[in-house]
Amino acid sequence: MGFLKLLWFALKGLLRPPHIIRNLVTFASVVGVLLATALILAGRITENAVLAFCIRWSWIPLSVLYLVLRHGEPFTRRRFARFFWDIDFTGYDGTIPTYIKAVPVNRYLEKVSFQSTVHPDEWKKQKNSLEMFFGAKIHKFESKESIKKMDIFTINETLPNCIAWDDRFMVDGRRFAVGEGLQGSVIWDAVCMPHGIVAGASSTGKTNILRLFAHQAIQKKFNVQVFDFKGGGDFVDLEDGYGSFIISDPEKARGTLTALIVEVRGRMERFKNAGVTNIDEFNELGGEQLIPWLIILDEAAEILDVKPKNKDEKALYTEIDQSLRTLARISRAAGVHILFGIIRPSADVLDGQIKNNALWRSCGYFADPHASRLVLDSDKATELPPEVKGRFIIGDVEVQAYYLPPQTGMTT
C-alpha cells in the first residue's frame, strides 16, 4: 500500500506544471534507453531462456524505479515524516503533514509544500525548529490555495549588497523598476499609487532611488522636474542630453507649480470633453498625446517645513507647500506624479494629508522607531542592516534598490 501511494505521488510529480513536457520527454527517453538496452542484452543470451526473459522485461521495473526515485522523492518524504513524528506535529485528525513538492521560486527562494491538517498558527510556532531542520531561514508561511495546504518559503540566497542598474530592468508605461526583493523584482506602479515617499537616514541610498526614477522617466520621455534647494548636485549628471530640470530657486519653484496646476486642470477639462477619465484613456484615442510628469522633492522638509523661515520666506514656502498639496490631491488622473524625499521625518512634514496622497512608501534604515512609524506605520525600518546602502522596506518587503552610479563623460 505504501509503494502504491509513493507511485501515485511520483505520477503526480511527473505531470506537475510547469515542466510537464520536459518531464515526459525525459521519462520517455529513459524508458527508450532501458528498453533498447534490455532487448540487446536479452538477444545475446541464447542458452538460458529464463534469464533472457527476465532481462527482456527488466525495463518495466527499472522504469518504475526511476519514476519513483526521480519524482516520488521517497527519501525526502521519509525524512520529513520522521521529523514531524519526532516533534509530535500532528493535525486535528492525528496525522502528520505530508510532503508534496519543493520548487525553486527564484534565485533567492524555494517553496516547499505540504498537505496538512495542522493549523497555520501552529506552523509558525515551529518556525525555529523548521529552520534548524531546513538549514535555512524561513521567509514566510502561506496557505492561500487551500486551508489544508501549507507552503513554506525558505531563503536559499540572501539579497546582494549592491545590484548595478541596467536599462534592461526598465518596465513599460508609468511603472518604475526599484530593485529586487526575495520574491523577485519590485516595481513602483504610479498608475495605482501616483505619489510616493522615499525616506531614509543619511547615506542609506535615498537619493539613489530618486535618481533611479529620474533616469527612467527621462528614458521614457517624461517631463521631469527636481526641486532641490541645496543645489541639485546629485542630479546634474542626468541633465546631460535631456536639458535643465533642477530647480533650486524657491521663486521658480512657485511659478512652476502654479503653471502645473493650470496644466492639470486643463487636462481634466480635455478628459471631460473627450469622454475619458485619465491620461491613458485620452492617449489611447490616438490624437494629441499628453506627456506624464515626474516631480521629485529631494529633501521635502526644506520645502514643506515653514517653521524655520522668516516672515517673507514663510509666505513663499507656504504657497509652495499648498501648491504641492493641491497637485498631490488633483493630479492622479492627469499623469503627474510626485515623490517626496525625506531624511528626517516629522509630523510637520508627513502630516495626514501628505501620507493619504502618497501611498507608495520606501523607507531605508532609521535607528529611531518613531521615524520608521511615521513613514511605514511600523518599526520595520529599524530592522534593516544599517551597513548596507540601498536596502529599503517597501510596503512590508525588504528590497535591495538598484544602484545608478553617477554618469561620466558628460558634455557641457
Protein backbone atom coordinates (compact mmCIF):
# COMPACT_ATOMS: atom_id res chain seq x y z
CA MET A 1 0.00 0.00 0.00
CA GLY A 2 2.90 2.35 0.83
CA PHE A 3 4.53 1.66 -2.54
CA LEU A 4 1.28 2.39 -4.40
CA LYS A 5 0.97 5.70 -2.54
CA LEU A 6 4.57 6.53 -3.43
CA LEU A 7 3.90 5.63 -7.07
CA TRP A 8 0.85 7.91 -7.04
CA PHE A 9 3.00 10.78 -5.73
CA ALA A 10 5.56 10.02 -8.45
CA LEU A 11 2.92 10.15 -11.21
CA LYS A 12 1.64 13.48 -9.89
CA GLY A 13 5.21 14.75 -9.79
CA LEU A 14 5.75 13.64 -13.38
CA LEU A 15 2.67 15.58 -14.52
CA ARG A 16 3.25 18.63 -12.30
CA PRO A 17 3.25 22.02 -14.07
CA PRO A 18 5.07 23.93 -15.39
CA HIS A 19 7.53 21.29 -16.67
CA ILE A 20 5.14 18.55 -17.83
CA ILE A 21 6.50 18.35 -21.38
CA ARG A 22 10.13 18.32 -20.23
CA ASN A 23 9.39 15.65 -17.61
CA LEU A 24 7.52 13.45 -20.10
CA VAL A 25 10.25 13.77 -22.75
CA THR A 26 12.95 12.90 -20.20
CA PHE A 27 10.96 9.94 -18.88
CA ALA A 28 10.27 8.67 -22.40
CA SER A 29 13.97 8.95 -23.23
CA VAL A 30 14.93 6.95 -20.13
CA VAL A 31 12.33 4.28 -20.93
CA GLY A 32 13.59 4.11 -24.51
CA VAL A 33 17.20 3.64 -23.42
CA LEU A 34 16.24 0.98 -20.87
CA LEU A 35 14.09 -0.86 -23.43
CA ALA A 36 16.78 -0.85 -26.11
CA THR A 37 19.44 -1.99 -23.64
CA ALA A 38 17.21 -4.80 -22.33
CA LEU A 39 16.44 -6.10 -25.85
CA ILE A 40 20.09 -6.00 -26.89
CA LEU A 41 21.27 -7.85 -23.77
CA ALA A 42 18.43 -10.39 -23.97
CA GLY A 43 19.26 -11.11 -27.61
CA ARG A 44 22.80 -12.06 -26.69
CA ILE A 45 21.66 -14.69 -24.18
CA THR A 46 20.62 -17.84 -26.03
CA GLU A 47 21.47 -20.60 -23.53
CA ASN A 48 19.19 -19.53 -20.67
CA ALA A 49 15.65 -18.72 -21.74
CA VAL A 50 14.52 -17.70 -18.22
CA LEU A 51 17.39 -15.21 -17.82
CA ALA A 52 16.76 -13.83 -21.30
CA PHE A 53 13.05 -13.37 -20.47
CA CYS A 54 13.85 -11.54 -17.22
CA ILE A 55 16.35 -9.23 -18.92
CA ARG A 56 13.98 -8.56 -21.84
CA TRP A 57 11.28 -7.27 -19.49
CA SER A 58 13.56 -5.66 -16.90
CA TRP A 59 12.96 -2.23 -18.48
CA ILE A 60 9.50 -2.12 -16.86
CA PRO A 61 10.53 -2.32 -13.15
CA LEU A 62 13.60 -0.18 -13.87
CA SER A 63 11.36 2.49 -15.46
CA VAL A 64 9.06 2.40 -12.43
CA LEU A 65 12.06 2.63 -10.11
CA TYR A 66 13.34 5.69 -11.99
CA LEU A 67 9.89 7.28 -11.82
CA VAL A 68 9.61 6.73 -8.07
CA LEU A 69 13.14 7.88 -7.26
CA ARG A 70 13.05 10.89 -9.57
CA HIS A 71 9.54 12.22 -8.97
CA GLY A 72 8.30 10.44 -5.84
CA GLU A 73 11.18 11.67 -3.66
CA PRO A 74 10.79 8.75 -1.20
CA PHE A 75 13.82 9.65 0.92
CA THR A 76 12.69 13.27 1.26
CA ARG A 77 9.19 12.18 2.28
CA ARG A 78 10.61 9.75 4.83
CA ARG A 79 12.94 12.41 6.26
CA PHE A 80 10.07 14.88 6.74
CA ALA A 81 7.81 12.18 8.23
CA ARG A 82 10.40 11.26 10.85
CA PHE A 83 10.93 14.92 11.72
CA PHE A 84 7.21 15.60 12.22
CA TRP A 85 6.78 12.46 14.33
CA ASP A 86 9.79 13.41 16.47
CA ILE A 87 8.33 16.82 17.34
CA ASP A 88 4.79 15.40 17.68
CA PHE A 89 3.50 17.72 14.97
CA THR A 90 0.03 16.43 14.07
CA GLY A 91 -3.25 17.92 12.89
CA TYR A 92 -6.72 17.67 14.36
CA ASP A 93 -7.11 14.18 12.86
CA GLY A 94 -3.85 12.89 14.35
CA THR A 95 -1.97 12.79 11.02
CA ILE A 96 1.38 14.42 10.31
CA PRO A 97 1.86 16.77 7.31
CA THR A 98 2.62 15.05 4.02
CA TYR A 99 5.41 16.39 1.84
CA ILE A 100 4.16 17.30 -1.66
CA LYS A 101 6.97 19.04 -3.56
CA ALA A 102 9.80 21.56 -3.42
CA VAL A 103 10.22 24.01 -6.28
CA PRO A 104 12.56 27.00 -6.72
CA VAL A 105 10.70 30.31 -6.85
CA ASN A 106 13.72 32.33 -7.97
CA ARG A 107 17.42 32.57 -7.10
CA TYR A 108 16.55 33.57 -3.53
CA LEU A 109 13.60 31.39 -2.51
CA GLU A 110 12.44 27.78 -2.61
CA LYS A 111 8.83 26.80 -1.92
CA VAL A 112 8.25 23.57 0.00
CA SER A 113 4.64 22.40 0.00
CA PHE A 114 2.80 20.09 2.42
CA GLN A 115 -0.65 18.58 2.68
CA SER A 116 -1.59 19.35 6.25
CA THR A 117 -4.42 19.43 8.77
CA VAL A 118 -2.26 21.46 11.17
CA HIS A 119 -3.50 25.00 11.84
CA PRO A 120 -1.31 27.71 10.17
CA ASP A 121 -0.61 29.30 13.57
CA GLU A 122 0.92 26.03 14.78
CA TRP A 123 3.31 26.01 11.81
CA LYS A 124 4.53 29.49 12.77
CA LYS A 125 5.13 28.36 16.36
CA GLN A 126 7.51 25.70 14.98
CA LYS A 127 9.47 28.20 12.88
CA ASN A 128 12.73 27.82 14.83
CA SER A 129 12.63 24.02 14.68
CA LEU A 130 11.79 24.07 10.99
CA GLU A 131 14.66 26.46 10.24
CA MET A 132 17.07 24.13 12.04
CA PHE A 133 15.70 21.19 10.05
CA PHE A 134 15.86 23.00 6.70
CA GLY A 135 19.23 24.55 7.49
CA ALA A 136 17.87 27.82 6.11
CA LYS A 137 15.89 30.84 7.25
CA ILE A 138 12.16 30.82 6.55
CA HIS A 139 10.88 33.85 4.63
CA LYS A 140 7.18 33.19 5.16
CA PHE A 141 4.39 30.65 5.58
CA GLU A 142 1.49 30.72 3.14
CA SER A 143 -1.77 28.75 2.93
CA LYS A 144 -3.70 30.73 0.32
CA GLU A 145 -4.69 27.98 -2.10
CA SER A 146 -6.26 25.69 0.48
CA ILE A 147 -6.58 25.67 4.24
CA LYS A 148 -5.20 22.12 4.12
CA LYS A 149 -2.09 23.07 2.15
CA MET A 150 0.92 24.84 3.63
CA ASP A 151 3.70 26.42 1.57
CA ILE A 152 6.97 27.28 3.31
CA PHE A 153 9.30 29.68 1.54
CA THR A 154 12.92 29.15 2.56
CA ILE A 155 15.77 31.54 1.79
CA ASN A 156 18.42 29.84 -0.34
CA GLU A 157 20.38 33.02 -1.06
CA THR A 158 20.33 36.38 0.69
CA LEU A 159 19.89 39.65 -1.15
CA PRO A 160 23.14 41.08 -2.55
CA ASN A 161 24.50 44.30 -1.06
CA CYS A 162 24.60 46.00 -4.45
CA ILE A 163 22.76 45.47 -7.75
CA ALA A 164 24.07 47.66 -10.55
CA TRP A 165 21.38 49.31 -12.66
CA ASP A 166 20.88 48.11 -16.22
CA ASP A 167 18.39 49.75 -18.61
CA ARG A 168 17.09 46.25 -19.35
CA PHE A 169 15.43 46.39 -15.92
CA MET A 170 13.06 49.11 -17.15
CA VAL A 171 9.35 48.34 -17.40
CA ASP A 172 6.78 49.93 -19.65
CA GLY A 173 4.23 52.66 -19.04
CA ARG A 174 4.05 54.62 -15.82
CA ARG A 175 5.85 51.93 -13.86
CA PHE A 176 9.34 52.18 -12.44
CA ALA A 177 11.81 49.44 -11.51
CA VAL A 178 13.04 49.85 -7.93
CA GLY A 179 15.14 46.81 -7.06
CA GLU A 180 14.92 43.19 -6.00
CA GLY A 181 13.25 41.55 -3.03
CA LEU A 182 13.33 37.90 -2.05
CA GLN A 183 10.26 37.28 -4.20
CA GLY A 184 11.68 38.98 -7.30
CA SER A 185 11.76 42.40 -8.91
CA VAL A 186 9.95 45.27 -7.17
CA ILE A 187 8.03 47.89 -9.16
CA TRP A 188 6.51 51.25 -8.33
CA ASP A 189 3.27 51.32 -10.30
CA ALA A 190 2.46 55.02 -10.50
CA VAL A 191 -0.91 54.29 -12.11
CA CYS A 192 -2.15 52.62 -8.93
CA MET A 193 -0.14 54.73 -6.46
CA PRO A 194 0.56 58.02 -8.23
CA HIS A 195 2.64 59.68 -5.48
CA GLY A 196 5.25 58.31 -3.13
CA ILE A 197 7.62 58.85 -0.23
CA VAL A 198 11.28 57.85 -0.28
CA ALA A 199 12.71 58.17 3.24
CA GLY A 200 15.89 57.14 4.96
CA ALA A 201 18.66 58.41 7.18
CA SER A 202 21.72 59.99 5.60
CA SER A 203 23.81 57.56 3.47
CA THR A 204 21.09 54.91 3.22
CA GLY A 205 20.66 55.43 -0.55
CA LYS A 206 17.54 57.60 -0.59
CA THR A 207 18.88 59.97 -3.26
CA ASN A 208 19.97 57.00 -5.39
CA ILE A 209 16.34 55.81 -5.64
CA LEU A 210 15.22 59.31 -6.63
CA ARG A 211 18.00 59.42 -9.25
CA LEU A 212 16.92 56.00 -10.46
CA PHE A 213 13.34 57.18 -11.01
CA ALA A 214 14.51 60.39 -12.70
CA HIS A 215 16.70 58.37 -15.08
CA GLN A 216 13.86 56.04 -16.01
CA ALA A 217 11.44 58.94 -16.51
CA ILE A 218 13.95 60.62 -18.82
CA GLN A 219 14.30 57.42 -20.83
CA LYS A 220 10.52 57.26 -21.11
CA LYS A 221 10.40 60.88 -22.40
CA PHE A 222 8.51 62.14 -19.35
CA ASN A 223 8.62 65.74 -18.20
CA VAL A 224 10.97 65.66 -15.20
CA GLN A 225 11.41 68.35 -12.55
CA VAL A 226 13.62 68.06 -9.47
CA PHE A 227 13.17 70.51 -6.62
CA ASP A 228 16.43 70.59 -4.67
CA PHE A 229 17.06 73.80 -2.77
CA LYS A 230 20.52 72.53 -1.79
CA GLY A 231 21.76 72.97 -5.36
CA GLY A 232 20.81 69.70 -7.07
CA GLY A 233 24.35 68.38 -7.43
CA ASP A 234 23.18 64.79 -7.06
CA PHE A 235 21.12 65.05 -10.26
CA VAL A 236 23.18 67.31 -12.51
CA ASP A 237 24.74 64.43 -14.49
CA LEU A 238 21.24 63.30 -15.55
CA GLU A 239 20.62 66.62 -17.31
CA ASP A 240 23.16 65.71 -19.98
CA GLY A 241 21.28 65.11 -23.22
CA TYR A 242 17.94 66.00 -21.63
CA GLY A 243 18.16 69.62 -20.58
CA SER A 244 17.93 71.51 -17.31
CA PHE A 245 15.34 70.10 -14.91
CA ILE A 246 16.74 71.05 -11.48
CA ILE A 247 15.04 73.90 -9.65
CA SER A 248 16.95 75.38 -6.72
CA ASP A 249 15.23 78.77 -6.56
CA PRO A 250 12.01 78.95 -4.47
CA GLU A 251 10.51 81.66 -6.70
CA LYS A 252 10.98 79.49 -9.78
CA ALA A 253 9.54 76.52 -7.90
CA ARG A 254 6.41 78.50 -7.05
CA GLY A 255 5.95 79.56 -10.67
CA THR A 256 6.49 76.00 -11.95
CA LEU A 257 3.96 74.54 -9.53
CA THR A 258 1.38 77.22 -10.33
CA ALA A 259 1.76 76.54 -14.06
CA LEU A 260 1.50 72.80 -13.46
CA ILE A 261 -1.75 73.19 -11.54
CA VAL A 262 -3.15 75.11 -14.51
CA GLU A 263 -1.90 72.32 -16.80
CA VAL A 264 -3.56 69.63 -14.68
CA ARG A 265 -6.89 71.43 -14.64
CA GLY A 266 -6.65 71.94 -18.38
CA ARG A 267 -6.04 68.23 -18.87
CA MET A 268 -9.02 67.35 -16.71
CA GLU A 269 -11.20 69.59 -18.88
CA ARG A 270 -9.94 67.84 -22.01
CA PHE A 271 -10.69 64.46 -20.47
CA LYS A 272 -14.24 65.59 -19.74
CA ASN A 273 -14.75 66.83 -23.31
CA ALA A 274 -13.31 63.61 -24.76
CA GLY A 275 -15.43 61.38 -22.52
CA VAL A 276 -12.46 59.76 -20.78
CA THR A 277 -11.27 59.76 -17.18
CA ASN A 278 -7.46 59.71 -17.28
CA ILE A 279 -4.33 60.31 -19.34
CA ASP A 280 -4.03 56.71 -20.52
CA GLU A 281 -7.56 56.62 -21.93
CA PHE A 282 -7.02 60.01 -23.54
CA ASN A 283 -3.77 58.95 -25.24
CA GLU A 284 -5.41 55.74 -26.49
CA LEU A 285 -7.79 57.87 -28.58
CA GLY A 286 -4.85 58.33 -30.96
CA GLY A 287 -4.92 62.11 -31.28
CA GLU A 288 -2.89 64.52 -29.18
CA GLN A 289 -0.57 62.70 -26.81
CA LEU A 290 -0.18 64.07 -23.30
CA ILE A 291 3.16 63.54 -21.55
CA PRO A 292 3.32 62.41 -17.90
CA TRP A 293 5.24 64.43 -15.31
CA LEU A 294 7.56 63.30 -12.54
CA ILE A 295 8.14 65.83 -9.76
CA ILE A 296 10.91 64.97 -7.28
CA LEU A 297 11.50 66.76 -3.97
CA ASP A 298 14.97 65.64 -2.94
CA GLU A 299 14.59 66.95 0.62
CA ALA A 300 10.92 67.64 1.21
CA ALA A 301 11.50 69.10 4.69
CA GLU A 302 13.41 72.03 3.10
CA ILE A 303 10.21 72.91 1.25
CA LEU A 304 7.33 71.75 3.42
CA ASP A 305 8.56 72.80 6.87
CA VAL A 306 7.96 76.56 7.07
CA LYS A 307 8.71 76.94 10.81
CA PRO A 308 12.40 77.95 10.49
CA LYS A 309 11.67 80.54 7.77
CA ASN A 310 11.44 84.30 8.27
CA LYS A 311 8.21 86.16 7.55
CA ASP A 312 8.80 86.75 3.82
CA GLU A 313 10.13 83.25 3.23
CA LYS A 314 7.27 81.75 5.21
CA ALA A 315 4.69 83.26 2.85
CA LEU A 316 6.59 81.98 -0.21
CA TYR A 317 7.14 78.49 1.18
CA THR A 318 3.55 78.29 2.41
CA GLU A 319 2.37 78.94 -1.13
CA ILE A 320 4.74 76.26 -2.47
CA ASP A 321 3.50 73.88 0.21
CA GLN A 322 -0.14 74.49 -0.69
CA SER A 323 0.55 74.08 -4.41
CA LEU A 324 2.25 70.73 -3.80
CA ARG A 325 -0.66 69.54 -1.70
CA THR A 326 -3.13 70.67 -4.36
CA LEU A 327 -1.18 68.81 -7.03
CA ALA A 328 -0.99 65.67 -4.91
CA ARG A 329 -4.75 65.82 -4.45
CA ILE A 330 -5.90 66.53 -8.04
CA SER A 331 -3.19 65.25 -10.38
CA ARG A 332 -3.62 61.47 -10.24
CA ALA A 333 -5.69 61.11 -13.41
CA ALA A 334 -3.66 63.77 -15.24
CA GLY A 335 -0.43 61.74 -15.11
CA VAL A 336 1.50 63.96 -12.68
CA HIS A 337 3.47 62.03 -10.07
CA ILE A 338 5.23 63.46 -7.00
CA LEU A 339 7.99 61.82 -4.97
CA PHE A 340 8.79 63.23 -1.55
CA GLY A 341 12.38 62.52 -0.48
CA ILE A 342 12.79 62.75 3.30
CA ILE A 343 15.85 62.38 5.57
CA ARG A 344 14.31 63.50 8.86
CA PRO A 345 10.62 62.54 9.05
CA SER A 346 8.45 64.67 11.28
CA ALA A 347 4.74 65.12 11.80
CA ASP A 348 5.05 68.66 10.43
CA VAL A 349 6.24 67.34 7.07
CA LEU A 350 4.50 63.96 6.89
CA ASP A 351 1.07 65.02 8.06
CA GLY A 352 -2.12 63.12 7.31
CA GLN A 353 -2.81 64.89 4.03
CA ILE A 354 0.62 64.10 2.53
CA LYS A 355 0.53 60.49 3.72
CA ASN A 356 -3.01 59.91 2.43
CA ASN A 357 -1.99 61.09 -1.04
CA ALA A 358 1.49 59.49 -1.12
CA LEU A 359 0.55 55.85 -0.63
CA TRP A 360 3.70 54.31 -2.14
CA ARG A 361 6.33 54.20 0.62
CA SER A 362 10.01 53.31 0.52
CA CYS A 363 11.96 53.59 3.76
CA GLY A 364 15.66 52.99 4.45
CA TYR A 365 17.27 52.39 7.81
CA PHE A 366 16.29 54.52 10.80
CA ALA A 367 17.63 53.90 14.29
CA ASP A 368 14.64 55.78 15.69
CA PRO A 369 11.46 53.64 15.61
CA HIS A 370 9.37 56.82 15.67
CA ALA A 371 10.80 57.86 12.27
CA SER A 372 10.06 54.40 10.88
CA ARG A 373 6.48 54.53 12.14
CA LEU A 374 5.91 57.97 10.61
CA VAL A 375 6.73 56.58 7.16
CA LEU A 376 5.68 52.93 7.29
CA ASP A 377 3.31 52.79 10.27
CA SER A 378 5.63 50.06 11.60
CA ASP A 379 9.12 49.62 13.11
CA LYS A 380 10.42 47.57 10.16
CA ALA A 381 12.95 50.20 9.03
CA THR A 382 14.82 49.79 12.33
CA GLU A 383 15.41 46.11 11.49
CA LEU A 384 17.30 46.82 8.25
CA PRO A 385 21.08 46.25 8.20
CA PRO A 386 22.48 49.80 8.67
CA GLU A 387 25.75 48.93 6.94
CA VAL A 388 24.05 48.01 3.63
CA LYS A 389 23.44 51.03 1.44
CA GLY A 390 20.35 50.83 -0.76
CA ARG A 391 18.39 48.43 1.48
CA PHE A 392 14.78 49.59 1.94
CA ILE A 393 11.41 48.46 3.21
CA ILE A 394 8.77 48.92 0.51
CA GLY A 395 5.31 48.07 1.77
CA ASP A 396 6.38 45.28 4.12
CA VAL A 397 9.06 43.79 1.82
CA GLU A 398 12.82 44.16 2.24
CA VAL A 399 14.32 45.34 -1.06
CA GLN A 400 17.81 45.99 -2.39
CA ALA A 401 17.46 49.02 -4.66
CA TYR A 402 19.27 49.09 -7.97
CA TYR A 403 22.36 51.31 -7.88
CA LEU A 404 22.63 54.00 -10.55
CA PRO A 405 26.20 55.33 -10.46
CA PRO A 406 26.95 58.93 -11.50
CA GLN A 407 27.28 59.20 -15.27
CA THR A 408 30.67 60.08 -16.66
CA GLY A 409 31.74 61.70 -19.91
CA MET A 410 29.10 64.46 -19.77
CA THR A 411 29.02 67.09 -22.46
CA THR A 412 28.91 70.73 -21.48
